[in-house]
């Protein structure tokens, strides 16, 4: 079926983990576009962002300072804001601090492009909704690039500090 999502990998977290890896050894290089769905993420440390790194061909996170991001954040407590960073060692899924109180969860959809083309930069789009550490509902849309022409094979998702207590993380390939 044209335009179908094909599940490649899924991790369901039910107790604290430092990170979640999607793809890697399970990577299927037959797709041009990949979708990562992040659902109902709860953390054990207050006021930390949810972030990711691409995986290299050895299935290790790429930690070089080659991540550039930009996004627009919609907030329920005030007007919108712009966020951006260059030369980082990770990219944001949730740009602000997720809270630990009841109802402070994060959800996001991340699209990955050019993962299988080692002569182009790998880039991503992200859409997220979450309650931050002060209980404010926020939504962000944006994207970024790994400004290094390398093959990538998935993502490692983690917190800047602390653990992911629960959530569902799914990697899909977008069939033509």
N, C-alpha and C. Protein backbone atom coordinates (compact mmCIF):
# COMPACT_ATOMS: atom_id res chain seq x y z
N UNK A 1 0.84 -1.17 0.00
CA UNK A 1 0.00 0.00 0.00
C UNK A 1 0.89 1.24 0.00
N UNK A 2 0.66 2.17 -0.91
CA UNK A 2 1.46 3.39 -1.01
C UNK A 2 1.25 4.27 0.22
N UNK A 3 2.34 4.83 0.69
CA UNK A 3 2.27 5.75 1.82
C UNK A 3 2.05 5.08 3.16
N UNK A 4 2.31 3.80 3.28
CA UNK A 4 2.09 3.08 4.52
C UNK A 4 3.26 3.23 5.48
N UNK A 5 2.94 3.17 6.77
CA UNK A 5 3.97 3.12 7.79
C UNK A 5 4.25 1.66 8.11
N UNK A 6 5.52 1.28 8.07
CA UNK A 6 5.94 -0.08 8.36
C UNK A 6 6.74 -0.05 9.65
N UNK A 7 6.24 -0.76 10.69
CA UNK A 7 6.93 -0.76 11.97
C UNK A 7 8.26 -1.50 11.84
N UNK A 8 9.33 -0.81 12.28
CA UNK A 8 10.67 -1.38 12.24
C UNK A 8 11.13 -1.79 13.63
N UNK A 9 10.83 -0.96 14.62
CA UNK A 9 11.34 -1.20 15.97
C UNK A 9 10.41 -0.51 16.97
N UNK A 10 10.32 -1.08 18.17
CA UNK A 10 9.51 -0.46 19.22
C UNK A 10 10.08 -0.82 20.59
N UNK A 11 10.09 0.16 21.47
CA UNK A 11 10.49 -0.04 22.86
C UNK A 11 9.39 0.51 23.75
N UNK A 12 8.91 -0.32 24.66
CA UNK A 12 7.91 0.10 25.65
C UNK A 12 8.62 0.11 27.00
N UNK A 13 8.75 1.29 27.57
CA UNK A 13 9.46 1.46 28.84
C UNK A 13 8.44 1.43 29.97
N UNK A 14 8.68 0.55 30.95
CA UNK A 14 7.78 0.45 32.11
C UNK A 14 8.52 0.66 33.42
N UNK A 15 9.85 0.71 33.37
CA UNK A 15 10.65 1.05 34.55
C UNK A 15 11.86 1.84 34.07
N UNK A 16 12.48 2.58 34.97
CA UNK A 16 13.50 3.57 34.62
C UNK A 16 14.63 3.01 33.76
N UNK A 17 14.90 3.73 32.65
CA UNK A 17 16.04 3.45 31.78
C UNK A 17 16.73 4.77 31.46
N UNK A 18 18.03 4.70 31.22
CA UNK A 18 18.79 5.91 30.90
C UNK A 18 18.53 6.37 29.47
N UNK A 19 18.28 5.42 28.56
CA UNK A 19 18.04 5.78 27.16
C UNK A 19 17.25 4.70 26.45
N UNK A 20 16.71 5.07 25.30
CA UNK A 20 15.98 4.14 24.44
C UNK A 20 16.63 4.23 23.06
N UNK A 21 16.94 3.07 22.49
CA UNK A 21 17.54 3.02 21.16
C UNK A 21 16.54 2.42 20.18
N UNK A 22 16.34 3.12 19.07
CA UNK A 22 15.48 2.63 17.99
C UNK A 22 16.32 2.53 16.73
N UNK A 23 16.18 1.43 16.02
CA UNK A 23 16.98 1.21 14.83
C UNK A 23 18.20 0.40 15.20
N UNK A 24 19.37 0.95 14.95
CA UNK A 24 20.61 0.24 15.28
C UNK A 24 20.64 -1.11 14.58
N UNK A 25 20.75 -2.18 15.36
CA UNK A 25 20.80 -3.54 14.80
C UNK A 25 19.50 -3.90 14.07
N UNK A 26 18.41 -3.22 14.38
CA UNK A 26 17.12 -3.48 13.73
C UNK A 26 16.86 -2.56 12.53
N UNK A 27 17.83 -1.75 12.17
CA UNK A 27 17.65 -0.76 11.10
C UNK A 27 17.34 -1.42 9.78
N UNK A 28 16.41 -0.87 9.03
CA UNK A 28 16.04 -1.32 7.69
C UNK A 28 16.32 -0.15 6.75
N UNK A 29 17.34 -0.27 5.93
CA UNK A 29 17.78 0.84 5.08
C UNK A 29 16.98 0.99 3.79
N UNK A 30 15.85 0.34 3.67
CA UNK A 30 15.09 0.39 2.42
C UNK A 30 14.11 1.56 2.34
N UNK A 31 14.15 2.48 3.29
CA UNK A 31 13.21 3.61 3.29
C UNK A 31 13.95 4.93 3.12
N UNK A 32 13.28 5.91 2.54
CA UNK A 32 13.84 7.26 2.40
C UNK A 32 13.49 8.13 3.60
N UNK A 33 12.33 7.88 4.20
CA UNK A 33 11.85 8.68 5.33
C UNK A 33 11.45 7.73 6.46
N UNK A 34 11.79 8.14 7.68
CA UNK A 34 11.46 7.37 8.88
C UNK A 34 10.65 8.24 9.82
N UNK A 35 9.76 7.60 10.57
CA UNK A 35 8.96 8.31 11.56
C UNK A 35 9.19 7.67 12.92
N UNK A 36 9.48 8.51 13.92
CA UNK A 36 9.62 8.06 15.30
C UNK A 36 8.45 8.66 16.08
N UNK A 37 7.67 7.80 16.72
CA UNK A 37 6.54 8.25 17.52
C UNK A 37 6.89 8.03 19.00
N UNK A 38 6.79 9.09 19.78
CA UNK A 38 7.10 9.08 21.21
C UNK A 38 5.80 9.36 21.94
N UNK A 39 5.36 8.43 22.80
CA UNK A 39 4.05 8.56 23.45
C UNK A 39 4.15 8.42 24.96
N UNK A 40 3.49 9.34 25.64
CA UNK A 40 3.29 9.27 27.10
C UNK A 40 4.58 9.09 27.89
N UNK A 41 5.59 9.90 27.58
CA UNK A 41 6.87 9.81 28.28
C UNK A 41 6.78 10.49 29.64
N UNK A 42 7.18 9.74 30.66
CA UNK A 42 7.25 10.23 32.03
C UNK A 42 8.70 10.06 32.49
N UNK A 43 9.21 11.05 33.22
CA UNK A 43 10.61 11.02 33.65
C UNK A 43 10.72 10.97 35.17
N UNK A 44 11.92 10.64 35.65
CA UNK A 44 12.13 10.58 37.10
C UNK A 44 12.84 11.82 37.65
N UNK A 45 13.27 12.71 36.77
CA UNK A 45 13.97 13.91 37.20
C UNK A 45 13.23 15.12 36.66
N UNK A 46 12.89 16.04 37.55
CA UNK A 46 12.13 17.22 37.16
C UNK A 46 12.98 18.18 36.34
N UNK A 47 12.33 18.88 35.44
CA UNK A 47 12.91 20.00 34.70
C UNK A 47 14.08 19.59 33.79
N UNK A 48 13.88 18.55 32.98
CA UNK A 48 14.89 18.12 32.03
C UNK A 48 14.27 17.94 30.64
N UNK A 49 15.02 18.30 29.57
CA UNK A 49 14.49 18.11 28.21
C UNK A 49 14.65 16.66 27.74
N UNK A 50 13.81 16.26 26.80
CA UNK A 50 13.92 14.97 26.12
C UNK A 50 14.70 15.21 24.84
N UNK A 51 15.81 14.50 24.64
CA UNK A 51 16.71 14.78 23.53
C UNK A 51 17.09 13.48 22.81
N UNK A 52 17.78 13.63 21.67
CA UNK A 52 18.21 12.43 20.94
C UNK A 52 19.53 12.68 20.21
N UNK A 53 20.15 11.57 19.86
CA UNK A 53 21.32 11.56 18.98
C UNK A 53 21.07 10.52 17.90
N UNK A 54 21.58 10.78 16.71
CA UNK A 54 21.55 9.77 15.65
C UNK A 54 22.56 8.68 15.99
N UNK A 55 22.32 7.48 15.46
CA UNK A 55 23.25 6.37 15.61
C UNK A 55 24.12 6.26 14.37
N UNK A 56 25.39 5.93 14.55
CA UNK A 56 26.29 5.73 13.42
C UNK A 56 26.17 4.28 12.92
N UNK A 57 26.98 3.90 11.97
CA UNK A 57 26.88 2.57 11.37
C UNK A 57 27.34 1.46 12.32
N UNK A 58 27.96 1.83 13.44
CA UNK A 58 28.32 0.86 14.48
C UNK A 58 27.26 0.79 15.56
N UNK A 59 26.14 1.47 15.34
CA UNK A 59 25.01 1.54 16.27
C UNK A 59 25.34 2.31 17.55
N UNK A 60 26.32 3.20 17.48
CA UNK A 60 26.69 4.05 18.62
C UNK A 60 26.16 5.46 18.39
N UNK A 61 25.75 6.16 19.45
CA UNK A 61 25.28 7.55 19.30
C UNK A 61 26.40 8.45 18.75
N UNK A 62 26.04 9.34 17.85
CA UNK A 62 26.98 10.32 17.30
C UNK A 62 27.02 11.50 18.26
N UNK A 63 28.16 11.70 18.91
CA UNK A 63 28.28 12.69 19.98
C UNK A 63 29.04 13.94 19.56
N UNK A 64 29.41 14.05 18.30
CA UNK A 64 30.14 15.23 17.85
C UNK A 64 29.25 16.47 17.93
N UNK A 65 29.86 17.63 17.97
CA UNK A 65 29.13 18.91 18.09
C UNK A 65 28.65 19.37 16.72
N UNK A 66 27.80 18.56 16.07
CA UNK A 66 27.32 18.84 14.73
C UNK A 66 25.80 18.92 14.62
N UNK A 67 25.10 19.11 15.73
CA UNK A 67 23.65 19.18 15.70
C UNK A 67 23.20 20.64 15.73
N UNK A 68 22.40 21.04 14.75
CA UNK A 68 21.81 22.37 14.69
C UNK A 68 20.30 22.22 14.71
N UNK A 69 19.60 23.03 15.52
CA UNK A 69 18.14 22.93 15.64
C UNK A 69 17.50 24.31 15.68
N UNK A 70 16.23 24.36 15.28
CA UNK A 70 15.42 25.58 15.39
C UNK A 70 13.97 25.16 15.51
N UNK A 71 13.20 25.89 16.32
CA UNK A 71 11.79 25.54 16.51
C UNK A 71 10.99 26.73 17.01
N UNK A 72 9.70 26.62 16.82
CA UNK A 72 8.71 27.59 17.32
C UNK A 72 7.95 26.89 18.43
N UNK A 73 7.82 27.55 19.57
CA UNK A 73 7.16 26.97 20.74
C UNK A 73 5.87 27.74 21.02
N UNK A 74 4.76 27.03 21.07
CA UNK A 74 3.47 27.61 21.44
C UNK A 74 3.23 27.30 22.90
N UNK A 75 2.77 28.30 23.66
CA UNK A 75 2.62 28.16 25.10
C UNK A 75 1.22 28.59 25.53
N UNK A 76 0.70 27.98 26.58
CA UNK A 76 -0.62 28.37 27.09
C UNK A 76 -0.53 29.51 28.10
N UNK A 77 0.67 29.84 28.58
CA UNK A 77 0.80 30.87 29.61
C UNK A 77 1.24 32.23 29.09
N UNK A 78 1.68 32.31 27.84
CA UNK A 78 2.14 33.57 27.27
C UNK A 78 2.24 33.41 25.76
N UNK A 79 2.87 34.35 25.09
CA UNK A 79 3.00 34.27 23.64
C UNK A 79 4.04 33.23 23.25
N UNK A 80 4.11 32.97 21.95
CA UNK A 80 5.05 31.98 21.43
C UNK A 80 6.49 32.43 21.67
N UNK A 81 7.39 31.49 21.49
CA UNK A 81 8.82 31.81 21.56
C UNK A 81 9.56 31.04 20.49
N UNK A 82 10.74 31.51 20.14
CA UNK A 82 11.60 30.83 19.19
C UNK A 82 12.75 30.18 19.95
N UNK A 83 13.16 29.01 19.50
CA UNK A 83 14.30 28.34 20.09
C UNK A 83 15.25 27.90 19.00
N UNK A 84 16.52 27.95 19.29
CA UNK A 84 17.51 27.49 18.32
C UNK A 84 18.82 27.21 19.03
N UNK A 85 19.64 26.39 18.41
CA UNK A 85 20.98 26.08 18.91
C UNK A 85 21.81 25.55 17.75
N UNK A 86 23.07 25.87 17.75
CA UNK A 86 24.00 25.36 16.74
C UNK A 86 25.19 24.73 17.43
N UNK A 87 25.78 23.76 16.77
CA UNK A 87 26.98 23.12 17.29
C UNK A 87 26.76 22.33 18.56
N UNK A 88 25.56 21.79 18.73
CA UNK A 88 25.26 20.99 19.91
C UNK A 88 25.69 19.55 19.75
N UNK A 89 25.67 18.81 20.85
CA UNK A 89 26.03 17.39 20.81
C UNK A 89 24.79 16.50 20.84
N UNK A 90 23.60 17.11 20.68
CA UNK A 90 22.34 16.38 20.62
C UNK A 90 21.31 17.29 19.99
N UNK A 91 20.13 16.74 19.69
CA UNK A 91 19.00 17.53 19.19
C UNK A 91 17.82 17.33 20.13
N UNK A 92 16.94 18.31 20.17
CA UNK A 92 15.78 18.27 21.06
C UNK A 92 14.60 17.54 20.43
N UNK A 93 13.93 16.74 21.25
CA UNK A 93 12.60 16.24 20.92
C UNK A 93 11.60 17.14 21.64
N UNK A 94 11.84 17.36 22.92
CA UNK A 94 11.08 18.31 23.73
C UNK A 94 12.08 19.37 24.18
N UNK A 95 11.87 20.59 23.75
CA UNK A 95 12.86 21.65 23.93
C UNK A 95 12.94 22.20 25.35
N UNK A 96 11.94 21.97 26.15
CA UNK A 96 11.90 22.54 27.48
C UNK A 96 11.82 21.43 28.50
N UNK A 97 11.73 21.80 29.71
CA UNK A 97 11.83 20.85 30.81
C UNK A 97 10.53 20.11 31.09
N UNK A 98 10.57 18.80 30.97
CA UNK A 98 9.43 17.97 31.31
C UNK A 98 9.36 17.89 32.83
N UNK A 99 8.15 17.88 33.35
CA UNK A 99 7.99 17.78 34.80
C UNK A 99 7.76 16.36 35.26
N UNK A 100 7.70 16.20 36.58
CA UNK A 100 7.47 14.88 37.17
C UNK A 100 6.13 14.78 37.87
N UNK A 101 5.37 15.86 37.93
CA UNK A 101 4.07 15.82 38.59
C UNK A 101 3.06 15.06 37.72
N UNK A 102 1.95 14.65 38.31
CA UNK A 102 0.91 13.94 37.60
C UNK A 102 0.47 14.74 36.38
N UNK A 103 0.40 14.10 35.23
CA UNK A 103 -0.05 14.75 34.00
C UNK A 103 1.06 15.45 33.23
N UNK A 104 2.25 15.53 33.78
CA UNK A 104 3.36 16.16 33.07
C UNK A 104 4.08 15.10 32.24
N UNK A 105 3.58 14.92 31.03
CA UNK A 105 4.09 13.90 30.10
C UNK A 105 4.46 14.57 28.79
N UNK A 106 5.17 13.83 27.95
CA UNK A 106 5.56 14.34 26.63
C UNK A 106 5.14 13.37 25.54
N UNK A 107 4.75 13.94 24.40
CA UNK A 107 4.42 13.19 23.20
C UNK A 107 5.06 13.90 22.02
N UNK A 108 5.51 13.14 21.04
CA UNK A 108 6.16 13.78 19.89
C UNK A 108 6.15 12.85 18.68
N UNK A 109 6.29 13.47 17.51
CA UNK A 109 6.51 12.76 16.25
C UNK A 109 7.75 13.39 15.62
N UNK A 110 8.67 12.53 15.24
CA UNK A 110 9.96 12.94 14.68
C UNK A 110 10.11 12.27 13.32
N UNK A 111 10.44 13.05 12.30
CA UNK A 111 10.69 12.50 10.97
C UNK A 111 12.17 12.61 10.65
N UNK A 112 12.76 11.53 10.13
CA UNK A 112 14.18 11.49 9.79
C UNK A 112 14.33 11.39 8.28
N UNK A 113 15.23 12.20 7.72
CA UNK A 113 15.46 12.24 6.27
C UNK A 113 16.95 12.05 5.97
N UNK A 114 17.27 11.40 4.86
CA UNK A 114 18.64 11.19 4.36
C UNK A 114 19.48 10.29 5.26
N UNK A 115 18.88 9.49 6.08
CA UNK A 115 19.64 8.60 6.96
C UNK A 115 20.56 7.66 6.19
N UNK A 116 20.12 7.21 5.04
CA UNK A 116 20.85 6.19 4.29
C UNK A 116 21.73 6.76 3.18
N UNK A 117 21.94 8.07 3.19
CA UNK A 117 22.75 8.72 2.17
C UNK A 117 23.98 9.34 2.84
N UNK A 118 25.11 8.69 2.74
CA UNK A 118 26.33 9.16 3.38
C UNK A 118 26.97 10.37 2.74
N UNK A 119 26.42 10.86 1.64
CA UNK A 119 26.96 12.07 1.02
C UNK A 119 26.07 13.29 1.26
N UNK A 120 25.04 13.12 2.08
CA UNK A 120 24.13 14.22 2.44
C UNK A 120 24.01 14.31 3.95
N UNK A 121 23.62 15.47 4.46
CA UNK A 121 23.35 15.63 5.88
C UNK A 121 22.05 14.92 6.24
N UNK A 122 21.98 14.32 7.42
CA UNK A 122 20.75 13.76 7.95
C UNK A 122 20.00 14.88 8.65
N UNK A 123 18.72 15.05 8.33
CA UNK A 123 17.96 16.08 9.02
C UNK A 123 16.65 15.53 9.53
N UNK A 124 15.98 16.32 10.38
CA UNK A 124 14.75 15.87 11.02
C UNK A 124 13.76 17.01 11.19
N UNK A 125 12.51 16.64 11.28
CA UNK A 125 11.42 17.53 11.69
C UNK A 125 10.85 16.96 12.97
N UNK A 126 10.39 17.81 13.86
CA UNK A 126 9.80 17.34 15.12
C UNK A 126 8.56 18.17 15.46
N UNK A 127 7.55 17.49 15.96
CA UNK A 127 6.34 18.11 16.51
C UNK A 127 6.13 17.50 17.88
N UNK A 128 6.02 18.33 18.90
CA UNK A 128 5.87 17.79 20.25
C UNK A 128 4.82 18.56 21.04
N UNK A 129 4.20 17.88 21.98
CA UNK A 129 3.32 18.49 22.97
C UNK A 129 3.68 17.91 24.32
N UNK A 130 3.63 18.77 25.35
CA UNK A 130 4.03 18.32 26.68
C UNK A 130 3.63 19.34 27.73
N UNK A 131 3.59 18.88 28.97
CA UNK A 131 3.46 19.78 30.12
C UNK A 131 4.85 19.90 30.72
N UNK A 132 5.28 21.14 30.92
CA UNK A 132 6.63 21.31 31.45
C UNK A 132 6.63 21.22 32.97
N UNK A 133 7.79 21.49 33.56
CA UNK A 133 7.97 21.30 35.00
C UNK A 133 7.19 22.29 35.86
N UNK A 134 6.58 23.31 35.24
CA UNK A 134 5.71 24.21 36.00
C UNK A 134 4.24 23.99 35.63
N UNK A 135 3.96 22.90 34.91
CA UNK A 135 2.59 22.54 34.56
C UNK A 135 2.02 23.25 33.35
N UNK A 136 2.85 24.00 32.62
CA UNK A 136 2.40 24.74 31.45
C UNK A 136 2.35 23.82 30.23
N UNK A 137 1.22 23.84 29.54
CA UNK A 137 1.08 23.07 28.29
C UNK A 137 1.83 23.81 27.19
N UNK A 138 2.68 23.07 26.49
CA UNK A 138 3.49 23.66 25.42
C UNK A 138 3.45 22.74 24.20
N UNK A 139 3.66 23.32 23.05
CA UNK A 139 3.78 22.56 21.82
C UNK A 139 4.90 23.17 21.00
N UNK A 140 5.67 22.35 20.35
CA UNK A 140 6.78 22.86 19.55
C UNK A 140 6.79 22.20 18.18
N UNK A 141 7.17 22.99 17.18
CA UNK A 141 7.39 22.48 15.84
C UNK A 141 8.72 23.02 15.36
N UNK A 142 9.49 22.17 14.73
CA UNK A 142 10.78 22.62 14.23
C UNK A 142 11.53 21.50 13.58
N UNK A 143 12.83 21.64 13.60
CA UNK A 143 13.66 20.64 12.98
C UNK A 143 15.11 20.92 13.21
N UNK A 144 15.92 20.12 12.54
CA UNK A 144 17.35 20.28 12.70
C UNK A 144 18.11 19.42 11.73
N UNK A 145 19.42 19.50 11.86
CA UNK A 145 20.31 18.79 10.95
C UNK A 145 21.53 18.30 11.70
N UNK A 146 22.01 17.15 11.32
CA UNK A 146 23.32 16.66 11.73
C UNK A 146 24.24 17.10 10.60
N UNK A 147 24.97 18.18 10.80
CA UNK A 147 25.74 18.77 9.70
C UNK A 147 27.07 18.06 9.48
N UNK A 148 26.94 16.77 9.23
CA UNK A 148 28.06 15.90 8.90
C UNK A 148 27.51 14.85 7.93
N UNK A 149 28.15 14.70 6.79
CA UNK A 149 27.66 13.76 5.78
C UNK A 149 28.08 12.34 6.14
N UNK A 150 27.22 11.67 6.92
CA UNK A 150 27.49 10.30 7.37
C UNK A 150 26.20 9.49 7.27
N UNK A 151 26.35 8.18 7.18
CA UNK A 151 25.20 7.29 7.26
C UNK A 151 24.73 7.24 8.71
N UNK A 152 23.42 7.20 8.92
CA UNK A 152 22.87 7.03 10.26
C UNK A 152 21.90 5.85 10.25
N UNK A 153 21.75 5.21 11.44
CA UNK A 153 20.96 3.98 11.53
C UNK A 153 19.98 3.99 12.69
N UNK A 154 19.37 5.13 12.96
CA UNK A 154 18.40 5.18 14.04
C UNK A 154 18.75 6.28 15.03
N UNK A 155 18.11 6.20 16.21
CA UNK A 155 18.28 7.25 17.21
C UNK A 155 18.42 6.65 18.61
N UNK A 156 19.10 7.40 19.46
CA UNK A 156 19.15 7.12 20.89
C UNK A 156 18.44 8.29 21.58
N UNK A 157 17.39 7.97 22.35
CA UNK A 157 16.58 8.99 23.01
C UNK A 157 16.88 8.94 24.50
N UNK A 158 17.07 10.11 25.11
CA UNK A 158 17.44 10.15 26.52
C UNK A 158 17.11 11.51 27.12
N UNK A 159 17.33 11.64 28.41
CA UNK A 159 17.14 12.91 29.12
C UNK A 159 18.51 13.55 29.32
N UNK A 160 18.53 14.86 29.45
CA UNK A 160 19.79 15.54 29.74
C UNK A 160 20.36 15.06 31.07
N UNK A 161 19.47 14.75 32.00
CA UNK A 161 19.85 14.21 33.30
C UNK A 161 18.68 13.37 33.79
N UNK A 162 18.96 12.26 34.44
CA UNK A 162 17.89 11.40 34.94
C UNK A 162 17.49 10.33 33.96
N UNK A 163 16.36 9.68 34.25
CA UNK A 163 15.90 8.53 33.48
C UNK A 163 14.52 8.73 32.89
N UNK A 164 14.23 7.91 31.90
CA UNK A 164 12.89 7.81 31.35
C UNK A 164 12.20 6.71 32.16
N UNK A 165 11.11 7.04 32.85
CA UNK A 165 10.40 6.06 33.69
C UNK A 165 9.42 5.22 32.89
N UNK A 166 8.76 5.84 31.92
CA UNK A 166 7.80 5.09 31.11
C UNK A 166 7.54 5.83 29.81
N UNK A 167 7.00 5.09 28.85
CA UNK A 167 6.67 5.66 27.55
C UNK A 167 6.77 4.60 26.47
N UNK A 168 6.23 4.92 25.32
CA UNK A 168 6.29 4.03 24.16
C UNK A 168 7.02 4.76 23.04
N UNK A 169 7.98 4.08 22.44
CA UNK A 169 8.83 4.66 21.40
C UNK A 169 8.80 3.72 20.20
N UNK A 170 8.36 4.22 19.06
CA UNK A 170 8.18 3.37 17.87
C UNK A 170 8.84 4.00 16.67
N UNK A 171 9.58 3.18 15.92
CA UNK A 171 10.24 3.60 14.67
C UNK A 171 9.51 2.95 13.50
N UNK A 172 9.13 3.79 12.53
CA UNK A 172 8.47 3.31 11.32
C UNK A 172 9.28 3.71 10.10
N UNK A 173 9.19 2.92 9.06
CA UNK A 173 9.67 3.31 7.73
C UNK A 173 8.45 3.74 6.94
N UNK A 174 8.60 4.79 6.15
CA UNK A 174 7.49 5.27 5.34
C UNK A 174 7.62 4.67 3.95
N UNK A 175 6.74 3.72 3.64
CA UNK A 175 6.77 3.05 2.35
C UNK A 175 6.21 3.96 1.26
N UNK A 176 6.79 3.91 0.09
CA UNK A 176 6.34 4.74 -1.04
C UNK A 176 5.08 4.19 -1.62
